[in-house]
Amino acid sequence: MRMVAILAALAAAAGVAARAADKGDAAKGKDVFQQCAVCHNPDSDEKKMGPGLKGLFQKDKLTNGKKPTEANVRAKIDEGGNGMPPYKDLLSDQEKDDLIAYLKTL
């Protein structure tokens, strides 16, 4: 009986980890990005109104000097700054997850 409980706990933990690692949908994020494309190039480093986002997660740092982690990119999306409006209340958490998944593909 104890073995069954342990196996059930391990299976549940594996499912949670898989969902956490795969929480965004890049295809949906591409649609969300259309709002961002007015100011950001997705396929170039060239600045539009805001910086180009090609290779965003491979860069050494963001324009604010922080490392391009999911948390730092999400904070920038939420808070805005330097002419970028805050999207904290304009995008749902799922839309932000999808957007970040898309940004990782650039």
PDB file of N, CA and C in Angstrom:
ATOM      1  N   MET A   1       0.823  -1.196   0.000  1.00  0.00           N
ATOM      2  CA  MET A   1       0.000   0.000   0.000  1.00  0.00           C
ATOM      3  C   MET A   1       0.868   1.262   0.000  1.00  0.00           C
ATOM      4  N   ARG A   2       1.941   1.220   0.783  1.00  0.00           N
ATOM      5  CA  ARG A   2       2.834   2.375   0.855  1.00  0.00           C
ATOM      6  C   ARG A   2       3.460   2.641  -0.514  1.00  0.00           C
ATOM      7  N   MET A   3       3.808   1.580  -1.232  1.00  0.00           N
ATOM      8  CA  MET A   3       4.418   1.711  -2.550  1.00  0.00           C
ATOM      9  C   MET A   3       3.458   2.392  -3.527  1.00  0.00           C
ATOM     10  N   VAL A   4       2.187   2.052  -3.462  1.00  0.00           N
ATOM     11  CA  VAL A   4       1.183   2.669  -4.337  1.00  0.00           C
ATOM     12  C   VAL A   4       1.086   4.159  -4.036  1.00  0.00           C
ATOM     13  N   ALA A   5       1.093   4.524  -2.766  1.00  0.00           N
ATOM     14  CA  ALA A   5       1.023   5.935  -2.382  1.00  0.00           C
ATOM     15  C   ALA A   5       2.243   6.696  -2.883  1.00  0.00           C
ATOM     16  N   ILE A   6       3.416   6.098  -2.774  1.00  0.00           N
ATOM     17  CA  ILE A   6       4.642   6.744  -3.249  1.00  0.00           C
ATOM     18  C   ILE A   6       4.597   6.929  -4.759  1.00  0.00           C
ATOM     19  N   LEU A   7       4.183   5.911  -5.483  1.00  0.00           N
ATOM     20  CA  LEU A   7       4.092   6.009  -6.936  1.00  0.00           C
ATOM     21  C   LEU A   7       3.068   7.063  -7.357  1.00  0.00           C
ATOM     22  N   ALA A   8       1.957   7.133  -6.654  1.00  0.00           N
ATOM     23  CA  ALA A   8       0.941   8.143  -6.962  1.00  0.00           C
ATOM     24  C   ALA A   8       1.482   9.546  -6.724  1.00  0.00           C
ATOM     25  N   ALA A   9       2.214   9.731  -5.641  1.00  0.00           N
ATOM     26  CA  ALA A   9       2.807  11.039  -5.342  1.00  0.00           C
ATOM     27  C   ALA A   9       3.833  11.425  -6.396  1.00  0.00           C
ATOM     28  N   LEU A  10       4.656  10.490  -6.825  1.00  0.00           N
ATOM     29  CA  LEU A  10       5.649  10.766  -7.857  1.00  0.00           C
ATOM     30  C   LEU A  10       4.989  11.120  -9.189  1.00  0.00           C
ATOM     31  N   ALA A  11       3.948  10.415  -9.538  1.00  0.00           N
ATOM     32  CA  ALA A  11       3.234  10.696 -10.780  1.00  0.00           C
ATOM     33  C   ALA A  11       2.611  12.090 -10.736  1.00  0.00           C
ATOM     34  N   ALA A  12       2.030  12.457  -9.608  1.00  0.00           N
ATOM     35  CA  ALA A  12       1.428  13.780  -9.465  1.00  0.00           C
ATOM     36  C   ALA A  12       2.492  14.867  -9.559  1.00  0.00           C
ATOM     37  N   ALA A  13       3.622  14.663  -8.921  1.00  0.00           N
ATOM     38  CA  ALA A  13       4.708  15.643  -8.963  1.00  0.00           C
ATOM     39  C   ALA A  13       5.242  15.797 -10.381  1.00  0.00           C
ATOM     40  N   ALA A  14       5.357  14.704 -11.114  1.00  0.00           N
ATOM     41  CA  ALA A  14       5.835  14.765 -12.495  1.00  0.00           C
ATOM     42  C   ALA A  14       4.851  15.546 -13.364  1.00  0.00           C
ATOM     43  N   GLY A  15       3.565  15.360 -13.142  1.00  0.00           N
ATOM     44  CA  GLY A  15       2.554  16.091 -13.902  1.00  0.00           C
ATOM     45  C   GLY A  15       2.601  17.580 -13.637  1.00  0.00           C
ATOM     46  N   VAL A  16       2.780  17.972 -12.397  1.00  0.00           N
ATOM     47  CA  VAL A  16       2.892  19.391 -12.043  1.00  0.00           C
ATOM     48  C   VAL A  16       4.129  19.990 -12.682  1.00  0.00           C
ATOM     49  N   ALA A  17       5.250  19.299 -12.622  1.00  0.00           N
ATOM     50  CA  ALA A  17       6.489  19.794 -13.219  1.00  0.00           C
ATOM     51  C   ALA A  17       6.345  19.949 -14.729  1.00  0.00           C
ATOM     52  N   ALA A  18       5.696  19.018 -15.386  1.00  0.00           N
ATOM     53  CA  ALA A  18       5.510  19.104 -16.834  1.00  0.00           C
ATOM     54  C   ALA A  18       4.647  20.301 -17.206  1.00  0.00           C
ATOM     55  N   ARG A  19       3.579  20.524 -16.443  1.00  0.00           N
ATOM     56  CA  ARG A  19       2.714  21.677 -16.725  1.00  0.00           C
ATOM     57  C   ARG A  19       3.448  22.982 -16.477  1.00  0.00           C
ATOM     58  N   ALA A  20       4.256  23.065 -15.433  1.00  0.00           N
ATOM     59  CA  ALA A  20       4.986  24.289 -15.132  1.00  0.00           C
ATOM     60  C   ALA A  20       6.007  24.591 -16.218  1.00  0.00           C
ATOM     61  N   ALA A  21       6.655  23.561 -16.761  1.00  0.00           N
ATOM     62  CA  ALA A  21       7.672  23.760 -17.780  1.00  0.00           C
ATOM     63  C   ALA A  21       7.050  24.116 -19.128  1.00  0.00           C
ATOM     64  N   ASP A  22       5.788  23.802 -19.314  1.00  0.00           N
ATOM     65  CA  ASP A  22       5.134  23.982 -20.598  1.00  0.00           C
ATOM     66  C   ASP A  22       3.879  24.826 -20.422  1.00  0.00           C
ATOM     67  N   LYS A  23       4.009  25.986 -19.762  1.00  0.00           N
ATOM     68  CA  LYS A  23       2.823  26.747 -19.417  1.00  0.00           C
ATOM     69  C   LYS A  23       2.398  27.752 -20.475  1.00  0.00           C
ATOM     70  N   GLY A  24       3.217  27.980 -21.488  1.00  0.00           N
ATOM     71  CA  GLY A  24       2.843  28.933 -22.513  1.00  0.00           C
ATOM     72  C   GLY A  24       2.729  28.283 -23.877  1.00  0.00           C
ATOM     73  N   ASP A  25       1.900  28.863 -24.725  1.00  0.00           N
ATOM     74  CA  ASP A  25       1.696  28.383 -26.087  1.00  0.00           C
ATOM     75  C   ASP A  25       2.246  29.442 -27.040  1.00  0.00           C
ATOM     76  N   ALA A  26       3.368  29.138 -27.698  1.00  0.00           N
ATOM     77  CA  ALA A  26       4.044  30.106 -28.562  1.00  0.00           C
ATOM     78  C   ALA A  26       3.159  30.564 -29.715  1.00  0.00           C
ATOM     79  N   ALA A  27       2.331  29.666 -30.255  1.00  0.00           N
ATOM     80  CA  ALA A  27       1.451  30.053 -31.367  1.00  0.00           C
ATOM     81  C   ALA A  27       0.441  31.111 -30.916  1.00  0.00           C
ATOM     82  N   LYS A  28      -0.122  30.912 -29.742  1.00  0.00           N
ATOM     83  CA  LYS A  28      -1.044  31.916 -29.196  1.00  0.00           C
ATOM     84  C   LYS A  28      -0.289  33.188 -28.832  1.00  0.00           C
ATOM     85  N   GLY A  29       0.948  33.017 -28.347  1.00  0.00           N
ATOM     86  CA  GLY A  29       1.768  34.166 -28.000  1.00  0.00           C
ATOM     87  C   GLY A  29       2.099  35.038 -29.197  1.00  0.00           C
ATOM     88  N   LYS A  30       2.217  34.412 -30.365  1.00  0.00           N
ATOM     89  CA  LYS A  30       2.467  35.190 -31.592  1.00  0.00           C
ATOM     90  C   LYS A  30       1.294  36.119 -31.866  1.00  0.00           C
ATOM     91  N   ASP A  31       0.073  35.640 -31.602  1.00  0.00           N
ATOM     92  CA  ASP A  31      -1.107  36.490 -31.754  1.00  0.00           C
ATOM     93  C   ASP A  31      -1.097  37.637 -30.748  1.00  0.00           C
ATOM     94  N   VAL A  32      -0.729  37.328 -29.503  1.00  0.00           N
ATOM     95  CA  VAL A  32      -0.650  38.367 -28.465  1.00  0.00           C
ATOM     96  C   VAL A  32       0.394  39.408 -28.860  1.00  0.00           C
ATOM     97  N   PHE A  33       1.491  38.945 -29.473  1.00  0.00           N
ATOM     98  CA  PHE A  33       2.592  39.841 -29.841  1.00  0.00           C
ATOM     99  C   PHE A  33       2.161  40.912 -30.845  1.00  0.00           C
ATOM    100  N   GLN A  34       1.082  40.705 -31.557  1.00  0.00           N
ATOM    101  CA  GLN A  34       0.658  41.698 -32.542  1.00  0.00           C
ATOM    102  C   GLN A  34       0.483  43.080 -31.905  1.00  0.00           C
ATOM    103  N   GLN A  35       0.095  43.131 -30.629  1.00  0.00           N
ATOM    104  CA  GLN A  35       0.001  44.406 -29.910  1.00  0.00           C
ATOM    105  C   GLN A  35       1.378  45.033 -29.731  1.00  0.00           C
ATOM    106  N   CYS A  36       2.385  44.183 -29.578  1.00  0.00           N
ATOM    107  CA  CYS A  36       3.754  44.623 -29.313  1.00  0.00           C
ATOM    108  C   CYS A  36       4.473  45.032 -30.592  1.00  0.00           C
ATOM    109  N   ALA A  37       4.052  44.442 -31.724  1.00  0.00           N
ATOM    110  CA  ALA A  37       4.740  44.641 -32.997  1.00  0.00           C
ATOM    111  C   ALA A  37       4.675  46.086 -33.476  1.00  0.00           C
ATOM    112  N   VAL A  38       3.774  46.861 -32.930  1.00  0.00           N
ATOM    113  CA  VAL A  38       3.713  48.279 -33.279  1.00  0.00           C
ATOM    114  C   VAL A  38       5.017  48.970 -32.870  1.00  0.00           C
ATOM    115  N   CYS A  39       5.596  48.519 -31.763  1.00  0.00           N
ATOM    116  CA  CYS A  39       6.798  49.152 -31.224  1.00  0.00           C
ATOM    117  C   CYS A  39       8.056  48.285 -31.284  1.00  0.00           C
ATOM    118  N   HIS A  40       7.912  46.968 -31.426  1.00  0.00           N
ATOM    119  CA  HIS A  40       9.060  46.054 -31.372  1.00  0.00           C
ATOM    120  C   HIS A  40       9.142  45.177 -32.618  1.00  0.00           C
ATOM    121  N   ASN A  41      10.344  45.076 -33.194  1.00  0.00           N
ATOM    122  CA  ASN A  41      10.595  44.144 -34.297  1.00  0.00           C
ATOM    123  C   ASN A  41      10.812  42.755 -33.720  1.00  0.00           C
ATOM    124  N   PRO A  42      10.085  41.747 -34.219  1.00  0.00           N
ATOM    125  CA  PRO A  42      10.298  40.397 -33.728  1.00  0.00           C
ATOM    126  C   PRO A  42      11.449  39.673 -34.424  1.00  0.00           C
ATOM    127  N   ASP A  43      11.829  40.145 -35.601  1.00  0.00           N
ATOM    128  CA  ASP A  43      12.802  39.426 -36.416  1.00  0.00           C
ATOM    129  C   ASP A  43      14.080  40.218 -36.665  1.00  0.00           C
ATOM    130  N   SER A  44      14.335  41.193 -35.804  1.00  0.00           N
ATOM    131  CA  SER A  44      15.491  42.058 -35.983  1.00  0.00           C
ATOM    132  C   SER A  44      15.907  42.637 -34.635  1.00  0.00           C
ATOM    133  N   ASP A  45      17.174  43.006 -34.536  1.00  0.00           N
ATOM    134  CA  ASP A  45      17.663  43.733 -33.362  1.00  0.00           C
ATOM    135  C   ASP A  45      17.418  45.228 -33.517  1.00  0.00           C
ATOM    136  N   GLU A  46      17.006  45.620 -34.715  1.00  0.00           N
ATOM    137  CA  GLU A  46      16.816  47.035 -35.018  1.00  0.00           C
ATOM    138  C   GLU A  46      15.696  47.629 -34.177  1.00  0.00           C
ATOM    139  N   LYS A  47      15.960  48.815 -33.653  1.00  0.00           N
ATOM    140  CA  LYS A  47      14.978  49.502 -32.821  1.00  0.00           C
ATOM    141  C   LYS A  47      13.863  50.069 -33.684  1.00  0.00           C
ATOM    142  N   LYS A  48      12.640  49.911 -33.237  1.00  0.00           N
ATOM    143  CA  LYS A  48      11.476  50.582 -33.812  1.00  0.00           C
ATOM    144  C   LYS A  48      11.230  51.739 -32.846  1.00  0.00           C
ATOM    145  N   MET A  49      10.146  51.723 -32.105  1.00  0.00           N
ATOM    146  CA  MET A  49       9.987  52.646 -30.983  1.00  0.00           C
ATOM    147  C   MET A  49      10.672  52.052 -29.755  1.00  0.00           C
ATOM    148  N   GLY A  50      10.576  50.729 -29.624  1.00  0.00           N
ATOM    149  CA  GLY A  50      11.246  49.985 -28.568  1.00  0.00           C
ATOM    150  C   GLY A  50      12.305  49.092 -29.203  1.00  0.00           C
ATOM    151  N   PRO A  51      13.086  48.409 -28.399  1.00  0.00           N
ATOM    152  CA  PRO A  51      14.166  47.584 -28.947  1.00  0.00           C
ATOM    153  C   PRO A  51      13.638  46.400 -29.751  1.00  0.00           C
ATOM    154  N   GLY A  52      14.426  45.981 -30.742  1.00  0.00           N
ATOM    155  CA  GLY A  52      14.124  44.765 -31.477  1.00  0.00           C
ATOM    156  C   GLY A  52      14.269  43.578 -30.537  1.00  0.00           C
ATOM    157  N   LEU A  53      13.447  42.562 -30.716  1.00  0.00           N
ATOM    158  CA  LEU A  53      13.409  41.453 -29.756  1.00  0.00           C
ATOM    159  C   LEU A  53      13.967  40.140 -30.291  1.00  0.00           C
ATOM    160  N   LYS A  54      14.566  40.173 -31.476  1.00  0.00           N
ATOM    161  CA  LYS A  54      15.168  38.949 -32.014  1.00  0.00           C
ATOM    162  C   LYS A  54      16.248  38.450 -31.056  1.00  0.00           C
ATOM    163  N   GLY A  55      16.165  37.177 -30.691  1.00  0.00           N
ATOM    164  CA  GLY A  55      17.158  36.589 -29.793  1.00  0.00           C
ATOM    165  C   GLY A  55      17.100  37.121 -28.373  1.00  0.00           C
ATOM    166  N   LEU A  56      15.949  37.615 -27.961  1.00  0.00           N
ATOM    167  CA  LEU A  56      15.804  38.236 -26.643  1.00  0.00           C
ATOM    168  C   LEU A  56      16.376  37.389 -25.513  1.00  0.00           C
ATOM    169  N   PHE A  57      16.020  36.118 -25.467  1.00  0.00           N
ATOM    170  CA  PHE A  57      16.451  35.273 -24.354  1.00  0.00           C
ATOM    171  C   PHE A  57      17.893  34.784 -24.492  1.00  0.00           C
ATOM    172  N   GLN A  58      18.531  35.074 -25.626  1.00  0.00           N
ATOM    173  CA  GLN A  58      19.938  34.728 -25.795  1.00  0.00           C
ATOM    174  C   GLN A  58      20.864  35.908 -25.493  1.00  0.00           C
ATOM    175  N   LYS A  59      20.293  37.086 -25.288  1.00  0.00           N
ATOM    176  CA  LYS A  59      21.091  38.283 -25.026  1.00  0.00           C
ATOM    177  C   LYS A  59      21.706  38.224 -23.623  1.00  0.00           C
ATOM    178  N   ASP A  60      22.780  38.969 -23.441  1.00  0.00           N
ATOM    179  CA  ASP A  60      23.434  39.045 -22.138  1.00  0.00           C
ATOM    180  C   ASP A  60      22.573  39.791 -21.130  1.00  0.00           C
ATOM    181  N   LYS A  61      21.902  40.854 -21.625  1.00  0.00           N
ATOM    182  CA  LYS A  61      21.075  41.644 -20.712  1.00  0.00           C
ATOM    183  C   LYS A  61      19.981  42.372 -21.486  1.00  0.00           C
ATOM    184  N   LEU A  62      18.952  42.755 -20.752  1.00  0.00           N
ATOM    185  CA  LEU A  62      17.865  43.557 -21.285  1.00  0.00           C
ATOM    186  C   LEU A  62      18.310  45.016 -21.316  1.00  0.00           C
ATOM    187  N   THR A  63      17.504  45.888 -21.903  1.00  0.00           N
ATOM    188  CA  THR A  63      17.868  47.311 -21.953  1.00  0.00           C
ATOM    189  C   THR A  63      17.945  47.926 -20.556  1.00  0.00           C
ATOM    190  N   ASN A  64      17.275  47.305 -19.571  1.00  0.00           N
ATOM    191  CA  ASN A  64      17.349  47.815 -18.197  1.00  0.00           C
ATOM    192  C   ASN A  64      18.546  47.240 -17.435  1.00  0.00           C
ATOM    193  N   GLY A  65      19.387  46.451 -18.138  1.00  0.00           N
ATOM    194  CA  GLY A  65      20.588  45.894 -17.531  1.00  0.00           C
ATOM    195  C   GLY A  65      20.392  44.553 -16.840  1.00  0.00           C
ATOM    196  N   LYS A  66      19.154  44.087 -16.752  1.00  0.00           N
ATOM    197  CA  LYS A  66      18.871  42.812 -16.082  1.00  0.00           C
ATOM    198  C   LYS A  66      19.020  41.649 -17.052  1.00  0.00           C
ATOM    199  N   LYS A  67      19.270  40.475 -16.493  1.00  0.00           N
ATOM    200  CA  LYS A  67      19.393  39.249 -17.283  1.00  0.00           C
ATOM    201  C   LYS A  67      18.025  38.896 -17.882  1.00  0.00           C
ATOM    202  N   PRO A  68      17.979  38.423 -19.128  1.00  0.00           N
ATOM    203  CA  PRO A  68      16.694  38.095 -19.750  1.00  0.00           C
ATOM    204  C   PRO A  68      16.133  36.753 -19.275  1.00  0.00           C
ATOM    205  N   THR A  69      15.606  36.750 -18.069  1.00  0.00           N
ATOM    206  CA  THR A  69      14.940  35.569 -17.524  1.00  0.00           C
ATOM    207  C   THR A  69      13.434  35.739 -17.714  1.00  0.00           C
ATOM    208  N   GLU A  70      12.697  34.649 -17.568  1.00  0.00           N
ATOM    209  CA  GLU A  70      11.242  34.749 -17.666  1.00  0.00           C
ATOM    210  C   GLU A  70      10.695  35.763 -16.667  1.00  0.00           C
ATOM    211  N   ALA A  71      11.207  35.728 -15.450  1.00  0.00           N
ATOM    212  CA  ALA A  71      10.714  36.639 -14.403  1.00  0.00           C
ATOM    213  C   ALA A  71      10.998  38.097 -14.761  1.00  0.00           C
ATOM    214  N   ASN A  72      12.193  38.387 -15.264  1.00  0.00           N
ATOM    215  CA  ASN A  72      12.540  39.770 -15.608  1.00  0.00           C
ATOM    216  C   ASN A  72      11.766  40.263 -16.826  1.00  0.00           C
ATOM    217  N   VAL A  73      11.559  39.394 -17.809  1.00  0.00           N
ATOM    218  CA  VAL A  73      10.778  39.783 -18.986  1.00  0.00           C
ATOM    219  C   VAL A  73       9.321  40.009 -18.581  1.00  0.00           C
ATOM    220  N   ARG A  74       8.780  39.129 -17.746  1.00  0.00           N
ATOM    221  CA  ARG A  74       7.401  39.302 -17.276  1.00  0.00           C
ATOM    222  C   ARG A  74       7.274  40.610 -16.488  1.00  0.00           C
ATOM    223  N   ALA A  75       8.252  40.928 -15.658  1.00  0.00           N
ATOM    224  CA  ALA A  75       8.205  42.180 -14.891  1.00  0.00           C
ATOM    225  C   ALA A  75       8.190  43.384 -15.831  1.00  0.00           C
ATOM    226  N   LYS A  76       8.971  43.323 -16.907  1.00  0.00           N
ATOM    227  CA  LYS A  76       8.994  44.424 -17.877  1.00  0.00           C
ATOM    228  C   LYS A  76       7.640  44.542 -18.573  1.00  0.00           C
ATOM    229  N   ILE A  77       7.048  43.405 -18.934  1.00  0.00           N
ATOM    230  CA  ILE A  77       5.723  43.420 -19.550  1.00  0.00           C
ATOM    231  C   ILE A  77       4.712  44.024 -18.574  1.00  0.00           C
ATOM    232  N   ASP A  78       4.757  43.605 -17.323  1.00  0.00           N
ATOM    233  CA  ASP A  78       3.817  44.091 -16.311  1.00  0.00           C
ATOM    234  C   ASP A  78       3.987  45.576 -16.026  1.00  0.00           C
ATOM    235  N   GLU A  79       5.230  46.009 -15.836  1.00  0.00           N
ATOM    236  CA  GLU A  79       5.507  47.364 -15.357  1.00  0.00           C
ATOM    237  C   GLU A  79       5.723  48.381 -16.460  1.00  0.00           C
ATOM    238  N   GLY A  80       6.156  47.935 -17.645  1.00  0.00           N
ATOM    239  CA  GLY A  80       6.472  48.879 -18.714  1.00  0.00           C
ATOM    240  C   GLY A  80       7.673  49.723 -18.331  1.00  0.00           C
ATOM    241  N   GLY A  81       7.714  50.937 -18.823  1.00  0.00           N
ATOM    242  CA  GLY A  81       8.802  51.866 -18.512  1.00  0.00           C
ATOM    243  C   GLY A  81       9.524  52.322 -19.762  1.00  0.00           C
ATOM    244  N   ASN A  82      10.129  53.502 -19.692  1.00  0.00           N
ATOM    245  CA  ASN A  82      10.847  54.105 -20.825  1.00  0.00           C
ATOM    246  C   ASN A  82       9.964  54.202 -22.066  1.00  0.00           C
ATOM    247  N   GLY A  83       8.740  54.634 -21.881  1.00  0.00           N
ATOM    248  CA  GLY A  83       7.809  54.800 -22.986  1.00  0.00           C
ATOM    249  C   GLY A  83       6.903  53.612 -23.231  1.00  0.00           C
ATOM    250  N   MET A  84       7.238  52.465 -22.656  1.00  0.00           N
ATOM    251  CA  MET A  84       6.394  51.272 -22.825  1.00  0.00           C
ATOM    252  C   MET A  84       5.295  51.291 -21.764  1.00  0.00           C
ATOM    253  N   PRO A  85       4.045  51.115 -22.197  1.00  0.00           N
ATOM    254  CA  PRO A  85       2.965  51.094 -21.207  1.00  0.00           C
ATOM    255  C   PRO A  85       2.979  49.795 -20.396  1.00  0.00           C
ATOM    256  N   PRO A  86       2.470  49.837 -19.182  1.00  0.00           N
ATOM    257  CA  PRO A  86       2.365  48.599 -18.400  1.00  0.00           C
ATOM    258  C   PRO A  86       1.222  47.730 -18.918  1.00  0.00           C
ATOM    259  N   TYR A  87       1.471  46.436 -19.002  1.00  0.00           N
ATOM    260  CA  TYR A  87       0.455  45.500 -19.477  1.00  0.00           C
ATOM    261  C   TYR A  87      -0.065  44.591 -18.363  1.00  0.00           C
ATOM    262  N   LYS A  88       0.265  44.943 -17.121  1.00  0.00           N
ATOM    263  CA  LYS A  88      -0.138  44.103 -15.984  1.00  0.00           C
ATOM    264  C   LYS A  88      -1.628  43.812 -15.973  1.00  0.00           C
ATOM    265  N   ASP A  89      -2.430  44.834 -16.206  1.00  0.00           N
ATOM    266  CA  ASP A  89      -3.879  44.679 -16.162  1.00  0.00           C
ATOM    267  C   ASP A  89      -4.506  44.525 -17.552  1.00  0.00           C
ATOM    268  N   LEU A  90      -3.684  44.581 -18.604  1.00  0.00           N
ATOM    269  CA  LEU A  90      -4.208  44.480 -19.963  1.00  0.00           C
ATOM    270  C   LEU A  90      -4.119  43.063 -20.530  1.00  0.00           C
ATOM    271  N   LEU A  91      -3.179  42.267 -20.009  1.00  0.00           N
ATOM    272  CA  LEU A  91      -3.018  40.885 -20.457  1.00  0.00           C
ATOM    273  C   LEU A  91      -3.273  39.947 -19.286  1.00  0.00           C
ATOM    274  N   SER A  92      -3.908  38.829 -19.565  1.00  0.00           N
ATOM    275  CA  SER A  92      -4.110  37.813 -18.533  1.00  0.00           C
ATOM    276  C   SER A  92      -2.789  37.101 -18.267  1.00  0.00           C
ATOM    277  N   ASP A  93      -2.714  36.366 -17.174  1.00  0.00           N
ATOM    278  CA  ASP A  93      -1.514  35.586 -16.879  1.00  0.00           C
ATOM    279  C   ASP A  93      -1.233  34.587 -17.999  1.00  0.00           C
ATOM    280  N   GLN A  94      -2.275  33.966 -18.535  1.00  0.00           N
ATOM    281  CA  GLN A  94      -2.087  33.000 -19.626  1.00  0.00           C
ATOM    282  C   GLN A  94      -1.551  33.688 -20.877  1.00  0.00           C
ATOM    283  N   GLU A  95      -2.073  34.873 -21.188  1.00  0.00           N
ATOM    284  CA  GLU A  95      -1.571  35.613 -22.350  1.00  0.00           C
ATOM    285  C   GLU A  95      -0.097  35.968 -22.170  1.00  0.00           C
ATOM    286  N   LYS A  96       0.292  36.318 -20.953  1.00  0.00           N
ATOM    287  CA  LYS A  96       1.711  36.611 -20.681  1.00  0.00           C
ATOM    288  C   LYS A  96       2.554  35.352 -20.820  1.00  0.00           C
ATOM    289  N   ASP A  97       2.065  34.220 -20.329  1.00  0.00           N
ATOM    290  CA  ASP A  97       2.779  32.947 -20.494  1.00  0.00           C
ATOM    291  C   ASP A  97       2.950  32.633 -21.974  1.00  0.00           C
ATOM    292  N   ASP A  98       1.886  32.831 -22.755  1.00  0.00           N
ATOM    293  CA  ASP A  98       1.937  32.568 -24.189  1.00  0.00           C
ATOM    294  C   ASP A  98       2.913  33.523 -24.883  1.00  0.00           C
ATOM    295  N   LEU A  99       2.866  34.791 -24.504  1.00  0.00           N
ATOM    296  CA  LEU A  99       3.767  35.778 -25.085  1.00  0.00           C
ATOM    297  C   LEU A  99       5.225  35.435 -24.795  1.00  0.00           C
ATOM    298  N   ILE A 100       5.521  35.061 -23.566  1.00  0.00           N
ATOM    299  CA  ILE A 100       6.893  34.706 -23.203  1.00  0.00           C
ATOM    300  C   ILE A 100       7.332  33.455 -23.964  1.00  0.00           C
ATOM    301  N   ALA A 101       6.436  32.491 -24.135  1.00  0.00           N
ATOM    302  CA  ALA A 101       6.762  31.297 -24.918  1.00  0.00           C
ATOM    303  C   ALA A 101       7.113  31.698 -26.354  1.00  0.00           C
ATOM    304  N   TYR A 102       6.368  32.646 -26.917  1.00  0.00           N
ATOM    305  CA  TYR A 102       6.657  33.128 -28.268  1.00  0.00           C
ATOM    306  C   TYR A 102       7.997  33.869 -28.304  1.00  0.00           C
ATOM    307  N   LEU A 103       8.233  34.749 -27.342  1.00  0.00           N
ATOM    308  CA  LEU A 103       9.485  35.511 -27.319  1.00  0.00           C
ATOM    309  C   LEU A 103      10.703  34.585 -27.263  1.00  0.00           C
ATOM    310  N   LYS A 104      10.545  33.450 -26.649  1.00  0.00           N
ATOM    311  CA  LYS A 104      11.643  32.472 -26.586  1.00  0.00           C
ATOM    312  C   LYS A 104      11.964  31.873 -27.949  1.00  0.00           C
ATOM    313  N   THR A 105      11.017  31.958 -28.902  1.00  0.00           N
ATOM    314  CA  THR A 105      11.247  31.410 -30.233  1.00  0.00           C
ATOM    315  C   THR A 105      11.962  32.399 -31.155  1.00  0.00           C
ATOM    316  N   LEU A 106      12.056  33.638 -30.738  1.00  0.00           N
ATOM    317  CA  LEU A 106      12.649  34.659 -31.608  1.00  0.00           C
ATOM    318  C   LEU A 106      14.155  34.553 -31.686  1.00  0.00           C
TER     319      LEU A 106
END
